[in-house]
C-alpha cells in the first residue's frame, strides 16, 4: 500500500510540475509562481494536519 501511495505522489508531482512550467511559459511567470506557492502551502497544511492526528 505504501508503494502505491509513493507512486501516486510521484505522478502528481510530475503533472503539477509540468502544469506550472506550461502556465509560466504561456500565460504569466507570476501566475505560475503563485500557483506553485499555493500548491506548496496546501501540501504543507495537509501534511501538517496528518502529522498532528498521529
PDB file of N, CA and C in Angstrom:
ATOM      1  N   UNK A   1       0.829  -1.197   0.000  1.00  0.00           N
ATOM      2  CA  UNK A   1       0.000   0.000   0.000  1.00  0.00           C
ATOM      3  C   UNK A   1       0.870   1.257   0.000  1.00  0.00           C
ATOM      4  N   UNK A   2       1.970   1.220   0.743  1.00  0.00           N
ATOM      5  CA  UNK A   2       2.856   2.378   0.810  1.00  0.00           C
ATOM      6  C   UNK A   2       3.482   2.664  -0.555  1.00  0.00           C
ATOM      7  N   UNK A   3       3.795   1.602  -1.314  1.00  0.00           N
ATOM      8  CA  UNK A   3       4.392   1.796  -2.635  1.00  0.00           C
ATOM      9  C   UNK A   3       3.406   2.484  -3.581  1.00  0.00           C
ATOM     10  N   UNK A   4       2.145   2.126  -3.487  1.00  0.00           N
ATOM     11  CA  UNK A   4       1.126   2.757  -4.343  1.00  0.00           C
ATOM     12  C   UNK A   4       1.006   4.238  -4.001  1.00  0.00           C
ATOM     13  N   UNK A   5       1.037   4.560  -2.719  1.00  0.00           N
ATOM     14  CA  UNK A   5       0.960   5.970  -2.314  1.00  0.00           C
ATOM     15  C   UNK A   5       2.159   6.757  -2.842  1.00  0.00           C
ATOM     16  N   UNK A   6       3.337   6.162  -2.782  1.00  0.00           N
ATOM     17  CA  UNK A   6       4.531   6.855  -3.271  1.00  0.00           C
ATOM     18  C   UNK A   6       4.470   7.058  -4.785  1.00  0.00           C
ATOM     19  N   UNK A   7       3.945   6.079  -5.498  1.00  0.00           N
ATOM     20  CA  UNK A   7       3.803   6.211  -6.947  1.00  0.00           C
ATOM     21  C   UNK A   7       2.804   7.312  -7.281  1.00  0.00           C
ATOM     22  N   UNK A   8       1.690   7.362  -6.564  1.00  0.00           N
ATOM     23  CA  UNK A   8       0.691   8.411  -6.803  1.00  0.00           C
ATOM     24  C   UNK A   8       1.257   9.795  -6.502  1.00  0.00           C
ATOM     25  N   UNK A   9       2.031   9.916  -5.444  1.00  0.00           N
ATOM     26  CA  UNK A   9       2.658  11.201  -5.111  1.00  0.00           C
ATOM     27  C   UNK A   9       3.631  11.615  -6.199  1.00  0.00           C
ATOM     28  N   UNK A  10       4.422  10.666  -6.705  1.00  0.00           N
ATOM     29  CA  UNK A  10       5.389  10.978  -7.757  1.00  0.00           C
ATOM     30  C   UNK A  10       4.686  11.422  -9.039  1.00  0.00           C
ATOM     31  N   UNK A  11       3.616  10.734  -9.408  1.00  0.00           N
ATOM     32  CA  UNK A  11       2.873  11.106 -10.620  1.00  0.00           C
ATOM     33  C   UNK A  11       2.231  12.481 -10.449  1.00  0.00           C
ATOM     34  N   UNK A  12       1.643  12.737  -9.290  1.00  0.00           N
ATOM     35  CA  UNK A  12       1.018  14.036  -9.045  1.00  0.00           C
ATOM     36  C   UNK A  12       2.057  15.160  -9.081  1.00  0.00           C
ATOM     37  N   UNK A  13       3.214  14.931  -8.491  1.00  0.00           N
ATOM     38  CA  UNK A  13       4.271  15.943  -8.514  1.00  0.00           C
ATOM     39  C   UNK A  13       4.739  16.211  -9.940  1.00  0.00           C
ATOM     40  N   UNK A  14       4.861  15.160 -10.744  1.00  0.00           N
ATOM     41  CA  UNK A  14       5.273  15.317 -12.140  1.00  0.00           C
ATOM     42  C   UNK A  14       4.252  16.132 -12.923  1.00  0.00           C
ATOM     43  N   UNK A  15       2.982  15.791 -12.781  1.00  0.00           N
ATOM     44  CA  UNK A  15       1.926  16.501 -13.507  1.00  0.00           C
ATOM     45  C   UNK A  15       1.856  17.958 -13.078  1.00  0.00           C
ATOM     46  N   UNK A  16       1.946  18.220 -11.779  1.00  0.00           N
ATOM     47  CA  UNK A  16       1.906  19.606 -11.304  1.00  0.00           C
ATOM     48  C   UNK A  16       3.102  20.402 -11.796  1.00  0.00           C
ATOM     49  N   UNK A  17       4.270  19.794 -11.808  1.00  0.00           N
ATOM     50  CA  UNK A  17       5.462  20.492 -12.290  1.00  0.00           C
ATOM     51  C   UNK A  17       5.315  20.874 -13.754  1.00  0.00           C
ATOM     52  N   UNK A  18       4.845  19.939 -14.574  1.00  0.00           N
ATOM     53  CA  UNK A  18       4.640  20.233 -15.991  1.00  0.00           C
ATOM     54  C   UNK A  18       3.591  21.329 -16.157  1.00  0.00           C
ATOM     55  N   UNK A  19       2.510  21.257 -15.379  1.00  0.00           N
ATOM     56  CA  UNK A  19       1.462  22.270 -15.475  1.00  0.00           C
ATOM     57  C   UNK A  19       1.992  23.650 -15.089  1.00  0.00           C
ATOM     58  N   UNK A  20       2.797  23.729 -14.028  1.00  0.00           N
ATOM     59  CA  UNK A  20       3.342  25.021 -13.607  1.00  0.00           C
ATOM     60  C   UNK A  20       4.280  25.583 -14.663  1.00  0.00           C
ATOM     61  N   UNK A  21       5.086  24.730 -15.289  1.00  0.00           N
ATOM     62  CA  UNK A  21       6.006  25.196 -16.320  1.00  0.00           C
ATOM     63  C   UNK A  21       5.232  25.725 -17.522  1.00  0.00           C
ATOM     64  N   UNK A  22       4.200  24.991 -17.935  1.00  0.00           N
ATOM     65  CA  UNK A  22       3.406  25.422 -19.086  1.00  0.00           C
ATOM     66  C   UNK A  22       2.688  26.728 -18.783  1.00  0.00           C
ATOM     67  N   UNK A  23       2.094  26.845 -17.600  1.00  0.00           N
ATOM     68  CA  UNK A  23       1.403  28.080 -17.224  1.00  0.00           C
ATOM     69  C   UNK A  23       2.382  29.243 -17.186  1.00  0.00           C
ATOM     70  N   UNK A  24       3.566  29.013 -16.619  1.00  0.00           N
ATOM     71  CA  UNK A  24       4.552  30.086 -16.517  1.00  0.00           C
ATOM     72  C   UNK A  24       5.038  30.529 -17.894  1.00  0.00           C
ATOM     73  N   UNK A  25       5.178  29.594 -18.829  1.00  0.00           N
ATOM     74  CA  UNK A  25       5.664  29.965 -20.157  1.00  0.00           C
ATOM     75  C   UNK A  25       4.575  30.588 -21.020  1.00  0.00           C
ATOM     76  N   UNK A  26       3.365  30.066 -20.932  1.00  0.00           N
ATOM     77  CA  UNK A  26       2.319  30.503 -21.840  1.00  0.00           C
ATOM     78  C   UNK A  26       1.531  31.706 -21.334  1.00  0.00           C
ATOM     79  N   UNK A  27       1.282  31.776 -20.041  1.00  0.00           N
ATOM     80  CA  UNK A  27       0.406  32.826 -19.526  1.00  0.00           C
ATOM     81  C   UNK A  27       1.217  33.896 -18.796  1.00  0.00           C
ATOM     82  N   UNK A  28       1.774  33.523 -17.640  1.00  0.00           N
ATOM     83  CA  UNK A  28       2.500  34.506 -16.846  1.00  0.00           C
ATOM     84  C   UNK A  28       3.416  33.793 -15.862  1.00  0.00           C
ATOM     85  N   UNK A  29       4.599  34.321 -15.712  1.00  0.00           N
ATOM     86  CA  UNK A  29       5.544  33.743 -14.767  1.00  0.00           C
ATOM     87  C   UNK A  29       5.029  33.905 -13.342  1.00  0.00           C
ATOM     88  N   UNK A  30       4.444  35.054 -13.060  1.00  0.00           N
ATOM     89  CA  UNK A  30       3.940  35.301 -11.711  1.00  0.00           C
ATOM     90  C   UNK A  30       2.764  34.388 -11.374  1.00  0.00           C
ATOM     91  N   UNK A  31       1.909  34.114 -12.342  1.00  0.00           N
ATOM     92  CA  UNK A  31       0.794  33.198 -12.117  1.00  0.00           C
ATOM     93  C   UNK A  31       1.312  31.791 -11.851  1.00  0.00           C
ATOM     94  N   UNK A  32       2.284  31.342 -12.630  1.00  0.00           N
ATOM     95  CA  UNK A  32       2.877  30.023 -12.403  1.00  0.00           C
ATOM     96  C   UNK A  32       3.538  29.937 -11.043  1.00  0.00           C
ATOM     97  N   UNK A  33       4.261  30.983 -10.664  1.00  0.00           N
ATOM     98  CA  UNK A  33       4.912  31.011  -9.362  1.00  0.00           C
ATOM     99  C   UNK A  33       3.887  31.057  -8.237  1.00  0.00           C
ATOM    100  N   UNK A  34       2.827  31.830  -8.422  1.00  0.00           N
ATOM    101  CA  UNK A  34       1.777  31.912  -7.408  1.00  0.00           C
ATOM    102  C   UNK A  34       1.066  30.578  -7.210  1.00  0.00           C
ATOM    103  N   UNK A  35       0.765  29.890  -8.308  1.00  0.00           N
ATOM    104  CA  UNK A  35       0.138  28.572  -8.194  1.00  0.00           C
ATOM    105  C   UNK A  35       1.074  27.571  -7.520  1.00  0.00           C
ATOM    106  N   UNK A  36       2.356  27.665  -7.828  1.00  0.00           N
ATOM    107  CA  UNK A  36       3.334  26.777  -7.191  1.00  0.00           C
ATOM    108  C   UNK A  36       3.389  27.017  -5.688  1.00  0.00           C
ATOM    109  N   UNK A  37       3.422  28.264  -5.284  1.00  0.00           N
ATOM    110  CA  UNK A  37       3.470  28.591  -3.853  1.00  0.00           C
ATOM    111  C   UNK A  37       2.186  28.153  -3.169  1.00  0.00           C
ATOM    112  N   UNK A  38       1.041  28.372  -3.816  1.00  0.00           N
ATOM    113  CA  UNK A  38      -0.235  27.941  -3.237  1.00  0.00           C
ATOM    114  C   UNK A  38      -0.290  26.425  -3.088  1.00  0.00           C
ATOM    115  N   UNK A  39       0.211  25.707  -4.067  1.00  0.00           N
ATOM    116  CA  UNK A  39       0.230  24.244  -4.003  1.00  0.00           C
ATOM    117  C   UNK A  39       1.153  23.759  -2.883  1.00  0.00           C
ATOM    118  N   UNK A  40       2.311  24.393  -2.753  1.00  0.00           N
ATOM    119  CA  UNK A  40       3.242  24.020  -1.676  1.00  0.00           C
ATOM    120  C   UNK A  40       2.629  24.298  -0.311  1.00  0.00           C
ATOM    121  N   UNK A  41       1.961  25.432  -0.176  1.00  0.00           N
ATOM    122  CA  UNK A  41       1.318  25.765   1.088  1.00  0.00           C
ATOM    123  C   UNK A  41       0.207  24.766   1.417  1.00  0.00           C
ATOM    124  N   UNK A  42      -0.588  24.410   0.406  1.00  0.00           N
ATOM    125  CA  UNK A  42      -1.648  23.421   0.609  1.00  0.00           C
ATOM    126  C   UNK A  42      -1.086  22.072   1.022  1.00  0.00           C
ATOM    127  N   UNK A  43      -0.005  21.656   0.376  1.00  0.00           N
ATOM    128  CA  UNK A  43       0.625  20.382   0.740  1.00  0.00           C
ATOM    129  C   UNK A  43       1.164  20.435   2.161  1.00  0.00           C
ATOM    130  N   UNK A  44       1.740  21.574   2.539  1.00  0.00           N
ATOM    131  CA  UNK A  44       2.252  21.746   3.902  1.00  0.00           C
ATOM    132  C   UNK A  44       1.119  21.630   4.925  1.00  0.00           C
ATOM    133  N   UNK A  45      -0.018  22.251   4.624  1.00  0.00           N
ATOM    134  CA  UNK A  45      -1.153  22.192   5.553  1.00  0.00           C
ATOM    135  C   UNK A  45      -1.703  20.767   5.648  1.00  0.00           C
ATOM    136  N   UNK A  46      -1.799  20.063   4.520  1.00  0.00           N
ATOM    137  CA  UNK A  46      -2.306  18.691   4.536  1.00  0.00           C
ATOM    138  C   UNK A  46      -1.363  17.783   5.317  1.00  0.00           C
ATOM    139  N   UNK A  47      -0.065  17.904   5.058  1.00  0.00           N
ATOM    140  CA  UNK A  47       0.909  17.065   5.765  1.00  0.00           C
ATOM    141  C   UNK A  47       0.903  17.403   7.251  1.00  0.00           C
ATOM    142  N   UNK A  48       0.813  18.689   7.569  1.00  0.00           N
ATOM    143  CA  UNK A  48       0.766  19.095   8.972  1.00  0.00           C
ATOM    144  C   UNK A  48      -0.458  18.564   9.691  1.00  0.00           C
ATOM    145  N   UNK A  49      -1.587  18.575   9.023  1.00  0.00           N
ATOM    146  CA  UNK A  49      -2.810  18.064   9.662  1.00  0.00           C
ATOM    147  C   UNK A  49      -2.746  16.550   9.828  1.00  0.00           C
ATOM    148  N   UNK A  50      -2.102  15.869   8.890  1.00  0.00           N
ATOM    149  CA  UNK A  50      -1.976  14.408   9.009  1.00  0.00           C
ATOM    150  C   UNK A  50      -1.002  14.040  10.130  1.00  0.00           C
ATOM    151  N   UNK A  51       0.042  14.823  10.309  1.00  0.00           N
ATOM    152  CA  UNK A  51       1.021  14.514  11.349  1.00  0.00           C
ATOM    153  C   UNK A  51       0.473  14.779  12.741  1.00  0.00           C
ATOM    154  N   UNK A  52      -0.386  15.791  12.865  1.00  0.00           N
ATOM    155  CA  UNK A  52      -0.923  16.097  14.185  1.00  0.00           C
ATOM    156  C   UNK A  52      -1.950  15.060  14.623  1.00  0.00           C
ATOM    157  N   UNK A  53      -2.532  14.324  13.657  1.00  0.00           N
ATOM    158  CA  UNK A  53      -3.503  13.295  14.007  1.00  0.00           C
ATOM    159  C   UNK A  53      -2.821  12.017  14.497  1.00  0.00           C
ATOM    160  N   UNK A  54      -1.538  11.862  14.185  1.00  0.00           N
ATOM    161  CA  UNK A  54      -0.842  10.630  14.577  1.00  0.00           C
ATOM    162  C   UNK A  54      -0.525  10.576  16.023  1.00  0.00           C
TER     163      UNK A  54
END
